[in-house]
Amino acid sequence: MTPEQARTGMRVRVMEHHRVQERRGLLGTVVARYGGEDYVAVDVRLADGECRLFWPHDLEEISPLRHGGASWSVGPLRVSSGALFT
């Protein structure tokens, strides 16, 4: 991703070209953005709760639905009268 695309709250994955092999493919959420026009870095809270600083070009935005996130659809609901709502 480009520095302009990096936004707080977005879900990201560490790209396969990251220099630290153990971080490749990790998922997280951008929690902060630092820098100015020339240099931008983002703080990412990883799935294990740890925060790490990354360059935007080491990350790609992901959709929660593509990687096991919940879909917010709800199945049929029953109320105490036994009626079924869909």
Protein backbone atom coordinates (compact mmCIF):
# COMPACT_ATOMS: atom_id res chain seq x y z
CA MET A 1 0.00 0.00 0.00
CA THR A 2 1.06 3.58 -0.44
CA PRO A 3 1.52 5.98 2.49
CA GLU A 4 -1.62 7.83 1.40
CA GLN A 5 -3.68 4.64 1.67
CA ALA A 6 -2.62 3.80 5.24
CA ARG A 7 -5.46 4.72 7.61
CA THR A 8 -6.08 4.05 11.28
CA GLY A 9 -8.54 1.19 11.77
CA MET A 10 -7.85 -0.65 8.52
CA ARG A 11 -7.15 -4.40 8.56
CA VAL A 12 -3.80 -5.32 7.03
CA ARG A 13 -1.53 -8.28 6.29
CA VAL A 14 2.27 -8.18 6.28
CA MET A 15 3.49 -8.80 2.73
CA GLU A 16 5.61 -11.83 1.80
CA HIS A 17 8.60 -9.62 0.94
CA HIS A 18 8.97 -8.31 4.54
CA ARG A 19 12.56 -8.61 5.69
CA VAL A 20 11.62 -10.48 8.90
CA GLN A 21 10.41 -13.89 7.79
CA GLU A 22 8.43 -14.57 11.00
CA ARG A 23 6.23 -11.50 10.37
CA ARG A 24 5.28 -12.41 6.80
CA GLY A 25 1.56 -13.06 6.46
CA LEU A 26 0.65 -11.79 9.94
CA LEU A 27 -2.69 -10.00 10.26
CA GLY A 28 -3.41 -6.87 12.26
CA THR A 29 -5.10 -3.50 12.53
CA VAL A 30 -3.48 -0.11 11.96
CA VAL A 31 -3.68 1.78 15.27
CA ALA A 32 -1.53 4.84 14.52
CA ARG A 33 0.16 6.66 11.66
CA TYR A 34 3.37 8.67 12.00
CA GLY A 35 5.41 10.94 9.77
CA GLY A 36 4.89 13.56 7.15
CA GLU A 37 4.91 13.77 3.38
CA ASP A 38 8.26 12.06 2.81
CA TYR A 39 8.25 9.28 5.41
CA VAL A 40 5.19 7.53 6.82
CA ALA A 41 5.19 4.60 9.23
CA VAL A 42 2.22 2.84 10.80
CA ASP A 43 1.78 1.08 14.11
CA VAL A 44 -0.04 -2.23 13.67
CA ARG A 45 -1.65 -4.23 16.48
CA LEU A 46 -1.12 -7.83 15.47
CA ALA A 47 -3.50 -10.71 16.24
CA ASP A 48 -1.44 -11.69 19.31
CA GLY A 49 -1.92 -8.18 20.78
CA GLU A 50 1.62 -7.00 20.09
CA CYS A 51 2.15 -3.65 18.33
CA ARG A 52 4.82 -3.30 15.64
CA LEU A 53 5.91 -0.42 13.44
CA PHE A 54 5.80 -1.03 9.65
CA TRP A 55 6.39 0.87 6.43
CA PRO A 56 3.17 1.05 4.38
CA HIS A 57 4.84 -0.72 1.43
CA ASP A 58 5.24 -3.79 3.68
CA LEU A 59 1.47 -4.05 4.19
CA GLU A 60 -1.63 -4.79 2.16
CA GLU A 61 -5.20 -3.99 3.10
CA ILE A 62 -7.46 -6.99 3.63
CA SER A 63 -11.17 -7.52 3.85
CA PRO A 64 -12.36 -9.16 7.09
CA LEU A 65 -14.52 -11.56 5.05
CA ARG A 66 -11.56 -12.80 2.99
CA HIS A 67 -9.67 -14.02 6.05
CA GLY A 68 -12.11 -15.61 8.44
CA GLY A 69 -13.76 -12.48 9.79
CA ALA A 70 -17.36 -12.60 10.84
CA SER A 71 -20.04 -11.81 8.36
CA TRP A 72 -22.66 -9.79 10.12
CA SER A 73 -25.63 -11.66 8.71
CA VAL A 74 -27.89 -13.30 11.25
CA GLY A 75 -29.94 -16.45 10.72
CA PRO A 76 -33.60 -16.85 11.63
CA LEU A 77 -34.61 -15.53 15.05
CA ARG A 78 -37.23 -17.09 17.32
CA VAL A 79 -39.16 -15.09 19.86
CA SER A 80 -40.85 -16.52 22.94
CA SER A 81 -44.19 -16.90 21.11
CA GLY A 82 -42.52 -19.35 18.75
CA ALA A 83 -42.87 -17.04 15.76
CA LEU A 84 -40.06 -17.23 13.25
CA PHE A 85 -38.53 -14.06 11.84
CA THR A 86 -36.01 -14.07 8.98
